[in-house]
Each structure stands twice: as structure tokens, then as C-alpha cells.
Protein backbone atom coordinates (compact mmCIF):
# COMPACT_ATOMS: atom_id res chain seq x y z
CA MET A 1 45.18 30.43 -62.49
CA SER A 2 43.99 30.15 -66.07
CA GLY A 3 41.25 27.61 -65.35
CA ASN A 4 40.34 25.07 -68.01
CA TRP A 5 40.69 27.35 -71.04
CA THR A 6 44.21 27.01 -72.44
CA GLU A 7 46.23 27.94 -75.50
CA GLN A 8 45.10 24.65 -77.04
CA HIS A 9 41.52 25.96 -77.18
CA ILE A 10 42.40 28.79 -79.57
CA PRO A 11 40.65 28.00 -82.87
CA ASP A 12 42.38 28.18 -86.23
CA GLN A 13 42.92 31.84 -87.13
CA HIS A 14 43.95 31.56 -90.79
CA GLY A 15 42.37 34.32 -92.87
CA ARG A 16 41.94 36.67 -89.92
CA VAL A 17 43.70 40.01 -89.42
CA ALA A 18 44.51 40.98 -85.83
CA ILE A 19 45.89 44.28 -84.57
CA VAL A 20 47.42 44.12 -81.09
CA THR A 21 48.55 47.32 -79.39
CA GLY A 22 51.54 47.20 -77.08
CA ALA A 23 52.62 43.90 -78.61
CA ASN A 24 56.38 44.10 -78.24
CA THR A 25 56.42 42.80 -74.66
CA GLY A 26 54.42 41.14 -71.91
CA LEU A 27 50.76 40.30 -72.40
CA GLY A 28 50.61 41.94 -75.81
CA PHE A 29 53.55 39.94 -77.12
CA GLU A 30 52.09 36.66 -75.89
CA THR A 31 48.69 37.53 -77.34
CA ALA A 32 50.24 38.34 -80.72
CA ARG A 33 52.46 35.26 -80.66
CA MET A 34 49.64 32.82 -80.01
CA LEU A 35 47.38 34.40 -82.62
CA ALA A 36 50.14 34.27 -85.23
CA GLU A 37 50.96 30.67 -84.39
CA ARG A 38 47.30 29.83 -85.02
CA GLY A 39 47.50 31.43 -88.47
CA ALA A 40 46.33 35.03 -88.05
CA ALA A 41 48.03 37.89 -89.83
CA VAL A 42 49.10 39.96 -86.83
CA VAL A 43 50.08 43.62 -86.65
CA LEU A 44 52.23 44.61 -83.70
CA ALA A 45 51.15 48.20 -83.05
CA VAL A 46 53.94 49.59 -80.90
CA ARG A 47 55.48 52.86 -79.78
CA ASP A 48 59.08 51.70 -80.32
CA VAL A 49 59.36 50.27 -83.83
CA GLU A 50 62.82 48.80 -83.25
CA LYS A 51 61.56 46.85 -80.24
CA GLY A 52 58.56 45.85 -82.31
CA LYS A 53 60.83 44.42 -85.00
CA GLN A 54 62.80 42.51 -82.40
CA ALA A 55 59.54 41.08 -81.04
CA ALA A 56 58.32 40.17 -84.53
CA ALA A 57 61.53 38.24 -85.16
CA ARG A 58 60.67 36.02 -82.19
CA ILE A 59 57.23 35.11 -83.54
CA THR A 60 56.53 32.41 -86.10
CA GLY A 61 53.97 33.48 -88.66
CA ASP A 62 52.66 36.46 -90.60
CA VAL A 63 53.69 39.42 -88.46
CA THR A 64 54.17 43.09 -89.32
CA VAL A 65 55.01 46.14 -87.22
CA GLN A 66 53.14 49.45 -87.10
CA ALA A 67 54.30 52.56 -85.27
CA LEU A 68 51.68 53.72 -82.76
CA ASP A 69 52.03 56.06 -79.80
CA LEU A 70 48.74 56.08 -77.93
CA ALA A 71 49.82 59.21 -76.07
CA SER A 72 49.73 61.20 -79.33
CA LEU A 73 46.59 61.74 -81.38
CA ASP A 74 48.73 62.62 -84.40
CA SER A 75 50.42 59.23 -84.11
CA ILE A 76 47.07 57.48 -83.70
CA ARG A 77 45.67 59.15 -86.82
CA SER A 78 48.80 58.30 -88.80
CA ALA A 79 48.76 54.68 -87.64
CA ALA A 80 45.07 54.33 -88.42
CA ALA A 81 45.64 55.69 -91.93
CA ASP A 82 48.44 53.16 -92.48
CA LEU A 83 46.33 50.30 -91.14
CA ARG A 84 43.33 51.26 -93.24
CA ALA A 85 45.49 51.39 -96.36
CA ALA A 86 47.05 48.00 -95.64
CA HIS A 87 43.96 46.15 -94.44
CA PRO A 88 40.56 46.47 -96.15
CA ARG A 89 39.17 44.28 -93.36
CA ILE A 90 40.09 43.81 -89.71
CA ASP A 91 38.87 40.85 -87.67
CA LEU A 92 40.38 41.63 -84.28
CA LEU A 93 41.36 44.88 -82.63
CA ILE A 94 42.98 44.14 -79.30
CA ASN A 95 43.39 47.27 -77.19
CA ASN A 96 46.12 45.95 -74.94
CA ALA A 97 48.76 48.67 -74.53
CA GLY A 98 48.87 50.68 -71.36
CA VAL A 99 50.84 52.54 -68.75
CA MET A 100 50.52 52.01 -65.02
CA TYR A 101 51.24 54.06 -61.91
CA THR A 102 53.18 56.74 -63.77
CA PRO A 103 54.12 60.01 -62.07
CA ARG A 104 51.75 62.74 -63.19
CA GLN A 105 52.47 63.52 -66.82
CA THR A 106 50.38 64.54 -69.79
CA THR A 107 50.07 63.21 -73.31
CA ALA A 108 51.14 65.22 -76.32
CA ASP A 109 47.57 66.58 -76.40
CA GLY A 110 47.39 67.55 -72.73
CA PHE A 111 45.48 64.61 -71.23
CA GLU A 112 46.60 62.99 -67.98
CA LEU A 113 48.90 60.23 -69.20
CA GLN A 114 47.19 57.13 -67.81
CA PHE A 115 43.69 58.21 -68.87
CA GLY A 116 44.92 59.56 -72.19
CA THR A 117 46.94 56.47 -73.12
CA ASN A 118 44.90 53.64 -71.65
CA HIS A 119 41.44 54.94 -72.50
CA LEU A 120 41.31 57.92 -74.84
CA GLY A 121 44.06 56.63 -77.13
CA HIS A 122 42.28 53.34 -77.63
CA PHE A 123 38.94 55.12 -77.98
CA ALA A 124 40.36 57.15 -80.85
CA LEU A 125 42.00 54.16 -82.53
CA THR A 126 38.80 52.12 -82.31
CA GLY A 127 36.75 54.92 -83.82
CA LEU A 128 39.17 55.35 -86.70
CA LEU A 129 39.21 51.63 -87.53
CA LEU A 130 35.59 50.74 -86.85
CA ASP A 131 34.48 50.77 -90.46
CA ARG A 132 37.10 48.10 -91.21
CA LEU A 133 35.57 45.89 -88.50
CA LEU A 134 31.84 46.41 -89.02
CA PRO A 135 31.54 44.59 -92.38
CA VAL A 136 33.32 41.50 -91.00
CA PRO A 137 31.07 38.88 -89.36
CA GLY A 138 32.59 37.70 -86.11
CA SER A 139 34.92 40.66 -85.73
CA ARG A 140 35.75 41.79 -82.21
CA VAL A 141 37.10 44.74 -80.26
CA VAL A 142 38.81 43.42 -77.14
CA THR A 143 39.89 45.96 -74.55
CA VAL A 144 42.19 44.93 -71.73
CA SER A 145 41.08 46.34 -68.38
CA SER A 146 42.29 45.38 -64.91
CA THR A 147 41.01 44.42 -61.49
CA GLY A 148 42.58 47.77 -60.59
CA HIS A 149 39.43 49.42 -61.98
CA ARG A 150 37.90 48.89 -58.53
CA ILE A 151 40.33 51.31 -56.90
CA ARG A 152 38.16 54.27 -55.87
CA ALA A 153 35.88 53.13 -58.67
CA ALA A 154 34.76 56.39 -60.23
CA ILE A 155 35.44 58.73 -63.10
CA HIS A 156 36.48 62.02 -61.49
CA PHE A 157 34.78 64.41 -63.88
CA ASP A 158 35.35 67.34 -61.56
CA ASP A 159 39.11 66.82 -61.93
CA LEU A 160 39.58 64.45 -64.86
CA GLN A 161 43.16 65.59 -65.36
CA TRP A 162 44.10 65.13 -61.67
CA GLU A 163 45.33 68.71 -61.47
CA ARG A 164 44.32 69.24 -57.83
CA SER A 165 45.71 66.13 -56.18
CA TYR A 166 47.29 63.28 -58.12
CA SER A 167 47.21 59.65 -57.04
CA ARG A 168 48.99 57.45 -59.55
CA VAL A 169 47.15 54.36 -58.27
CA ALA A 170 43.68 55.94 -58.36
CA ALA A 171 44.40 57.48 -61.77
CA TYR A 172 45.21 54.02 -63.09
CA GLY A 173 41.98 52.70 -61.60
CA GLN A 174 40.03 55.49 -63.30
CA ALA A 175 41.56 54.66 -66.68
CA LYS A 176 40.80 50.95 -66.30
CA LEU A 177 37.22 51.70 -65.21
CA ALA A 178 36.88 53.85 -68.32
CA ASN A 179 38.02 50.85 -70.40
CA LEU A 180 35.12 48.81 -69.05
CA MET A 181 32.52 51.55 -69.42
CA PHE A 182 33.70 52.10 -72.99
CA THR A 183 33.39 48.38 -73.77
CA TYR A 184 29.83 48.17 -72.47
CA GLU A 185 28.70 51.29 -74.30
CA LEU A 186 30.46 50.25 -77.50
CA GLN A 187 28.70 46.88 -77.38
CA ARG A 188 25.35 48.62 -76.95
CA ARG A 189 26.01 50.63 -80.10
CA LEU A 190 27.39 47.69 -82.08
CA ALA A 191 24.58 45.27 -81.21
CA PRO A 192 22.19 46.44 -83.98
CA HIS A 193 24.83 45.63 -86.63
CA GLY A 194 25.04 41.97 -85.66
CA THR A 195 28.62 41.60 -86.90
CA THR A 196 31.10 43.10 -84.44
CA VAL A 197 31.14 42.64 -80.68
CA ALA A 198 32.99 44.48 -77.92
CA VAL A 199 34.47 42.46 -75.07
CA ALA A 200 36.74 43.22 -72.12
CA ALA A 201 39.35 41.11 -70.39
CA HIS A 202 41.72 41.30 -67.47
CA PRO A 203 44.88 39.25 -66.96
CA GLY A 204 44.72 38.73 -63.24
CA VAL A 205 48.02 39.31 -61.47
CA SER A 206 50.69 38.82 -64.11
CA ASN A 207 54.43 39.34 -64.03
CA THR A 208 54.98 41.93 -66.76
CA GLU A 209 56.81 45.22 -67.25
CA LEU A 210 53.62 47.21 -66.67
CA ALA A 211 54.37 47.74 -62.98
CA ARG A 212 57.78 49.31 -63.62
CA ASN A 213 56.42 52.67 -62.38
CA THR A 214 55.42 51.30 -58.99
CA PRO A 215 56.37 53.79 -56.24
CA ALA A 216 59.99 53.32 -55.17
CA ALA A 217 59.11 52.27 -51.62
CA LEU A 218 57.13 49.31 -52.96
CA ARG A 219 59.36 48.33 -55.86
CA ALA A 220 61.81 46.11 -53.97
CA PRO A 221 59.22 44.01 -52.08
CA ILE A 222 57.07 43.69 -55.20
CA THR A 223 60.08 42.55 -57.24
CA TRP A 224 60.86 39.95 -54.60
CA LEU A 225 57.29 38.71 -54.25
CA ALA A 226 56.32 38.81 -57.93
CA PRO A 227 57.58 35.31 -58.82
CA LEU A 228 55.63 33.89 -55.88
CA LEU A 229 52.34 35.72 -56.36
CA THR A 230 52.02 36.30 -60.09
CA GLN A 231 51.56 34.22 -63.19
CA LYS A 232 53.66 34.33 -66.33
CA ALA A 233 52.64 36.64 -69.16
CA GLU A 234 51.60 33.74 -71.39
CA MET A 235 49.05 32.74 -68.75
CA GLY A 236 47.91 36.31 -68.22
CA ALA A 237 47.24 36.63 -71.95
CA LEU A 238 44.73 33.77 -71.98
CA PRO A 239 41.66 35.84 -70.95
CA THR A 240 42.38 38.26 -73.81
CA LEU A 241 42.82 35.38 -76.24
CA ARG A 242 39.62 33.79 -75.06
CA ALA A 243 37.74 37.05 -75.50
CA ALA A 244 39.22 37.34 -78.99
CA THR A 245 38.76 33.79 -80.26
CA ASP A 246 36.36 31.64 -78.24
CA PRO A 247 33.27 30.98 -80.41
CA ALA A 248 31.09 31.06 -77.28
CA VAL A 249 31.97 34.67 -76.46
CA THR A 250 29.14 37.18 -76.43
CA GLY A 251 29.44 40.95 -76.55
CA GLY A 252 29.63 43.01 -73.39
CA GLN A 253 31.29 40.33 -71.28
CA TYR A 254 34.34 40.69 -69.04
CA TYR A 255 36.75 37.77 -69.08
CA GLY A 256 39.33 36.99 -66.43
CA PRO A 257 41.55 34.04 -65.62
CA GLY A 258 39.57 30.83 -65.80
CA ASN A 259 36.09 32.21 -66.27
CA ARG A 260 33.68 34.76 -67.55
CA GLY A 261 31.79 36.82 -65.07
CA ARG A 262 30.63 40.14 -63.77
CA SER A 263 33.64 40.57 -61.57
CA ALA A 264 33.57 44.24 -62.53
CA ALA A 265 32.66 47.00 -60.11
CA THR A 266 28.96 47.84 -60.15
CA ARG A 267 29.70 51.37 -61.32
CA SER A 268 31.18 50.05 -64.56
CA TRP A 269 27.76 48.61 -65.49
CA SER A 270 25.84 51.81 -64.84
CA PRO A 271 24.42 53.16 -68.12
CA PRO A 272 26.68 56.15 -68.73
CA ALA A 273 25.51 59.54 -69.86
CA PRO A 274 27.48 61.03 -72.77
CA THR A 275 30.78 61.89 -71.15
CA PRO A 276 34.48 62.08 -71.98
CA THR A 277 34.54 58.39 -71.04
CA THR A 278 32.09 57.09 -73.60
CA ARG A 279 31.88 59.93 -76.09
CA PRO A 280 34.76 62.39 -76.04
CA PRO A 281 34.66 65.19 -78.59
CA SER A 282 35.42 63.82 -82.05
CA SER A 283 37.60 66.82 -82.71
CA ALA A 284 39.85 65.67 -79.89
CA CYS A 285 39.86 61.90 -80.23
CA GLY A 286 38.62 60.99 -83.69
CA PRO A 287 35.18 59.74 -84.69
CA SER A 288 32.85 58.34 -82.07
CA PRO A 289 31.62 54.76 -82.48
CA ARG A 290 28.45 55.04 -84.51
CA SER A 291 25.09 53.58 -83.65
CA SER A 292 24.29 53.09 -87.35
CA PRO A 293 26.34 52.66 -90.49
CA ALA A 294 27.49 55.75 -92.35
């Protein structure tokens, strides 16, 4: 399922600083582990610090833990301040953390939870760390999307918060579509700098904890079928690792298991107008990615 690109293709990462969100379990853990084993200094940016420390203890290499709750802008600002103080340069920002199929809830700041966590939280974090990435040749922002972005592929601007009628599956698809649209627009703005690129990845169908909020009626059959139909997390992490480390990667691409390709929904490639997807108010989510240095 991973094609010809394997863990053995990851280049030496000594001297590089990588921040991986949601790195205490699943795809994020495997991504962090493989980067650290190749020599990168890796920050596990996690909501539960104790679980982050337990994960760090299982990784060989230079690993630290940073508290980060992507459902709280206060937490994002605090984490970004800590990361900026600790790291004058950042080579890799891997926007991996996410929630999936949650019952309708809101973030600490009132955003629908899946959109607020998966998209807006990472948007804010990226904006707050961008000036640590821009001076570094070869730096990358990798955002993990999903084939689920095709589900009713649209951003529902008339009801962005899903206040009228909530579908946990469609809300997840909206958030993952926003991840892709953000990546493409960020790459457009980064291109003139010639140093940092924005890339997206999806893990395929991987057996992780992300689906723990699957509706109850589906949980039992999915649990039974998962070992037969899914790949292990270490395989699912390979597209993200390829997007982060393969020297042949170019900005604005979308990597999946075994290949690179425009397997994204057509709508994700449509040049977006300024919207809450590509340019939410800076007062709400932190600074927008700039089109020129400040």
C-alpha cells in the first residue's frame, strides 16, 4: 500500500528541527519516530503532555514535548511563543493532529470542533511560526489531509459552524478539504520566497485511533474489519514523511500511499477567494501567511 517509497528512503535529517502536531499516537507518533531516528530534533506538540512524555520515551533520538491544544487559540499562541523561544529556525512543520467524526462540539473559541481543530488551529499555528521557516532553505509545511475531503466536497460558508443540521462525516470532509485549499494557497504565497514550500499528504486507510468517534452503529463492524482493510500506522505515515523529506518534492503537491498525484477533489484546486478557509481574520486565528517578508 506504500508503493516503492519506504522508510529507507528518508534522507539524513541531522541538523533539522521538526515540529509534529498530534505526535503522541498513531500517524504522528510514527512520523516523529522516523524523523528522530534519522537525526532530526523533533518536537512532539501534543494536547496531553503526560502522554507526550510517554511517547517521547519510546523514541530514540533528540525529542522534546510541547503542550498544544489546537482547539484553543490561547494554547496555540502560548505554544508558538514557546517554540519560537526555543527554536530560532524550524525546518519542518507537520500539521498532523486532528479529530474525526466527533459529535457536534465547539472549540474554546466557538468554532465547530472538526473545522476549528483540523483547519483553523493549524492555520493559526502556521502563521505564528512562519517567520521561523521562511529564512530556512528547504523548509516545509506539511499538512495532513484525507481522502475524506471528497465527502460532499464543499466549504459550507452559509453554515460554517453546522448550526442548522450537523453531519459529523460531512463536517470532517469540510475540514479536510480546507486543509488542501489552505496548502495550495499557502504555496502560492510562499513561492516568491523560494525557500519554504507547502505540501499536503494523506495516509490512505490506516488503523489509528482517529476513528474512535465513529457512530456507534458502525463501530463494531469497523473494529472487526479494520485489521483486514487498513494498513499499520507506520505505513500510513510514509506519505507524510515523503512530503517532508523527499528531495524531489515540489510545493503544492498532494502525496498519498505509493505516489504523488492530483487525487484531490477538483474543488480543492479552485483558486479560492479570501475566505475563512484561506484567510480567516488575524484577530481570531493569528497572523495570515504573508505574500512578502515583513
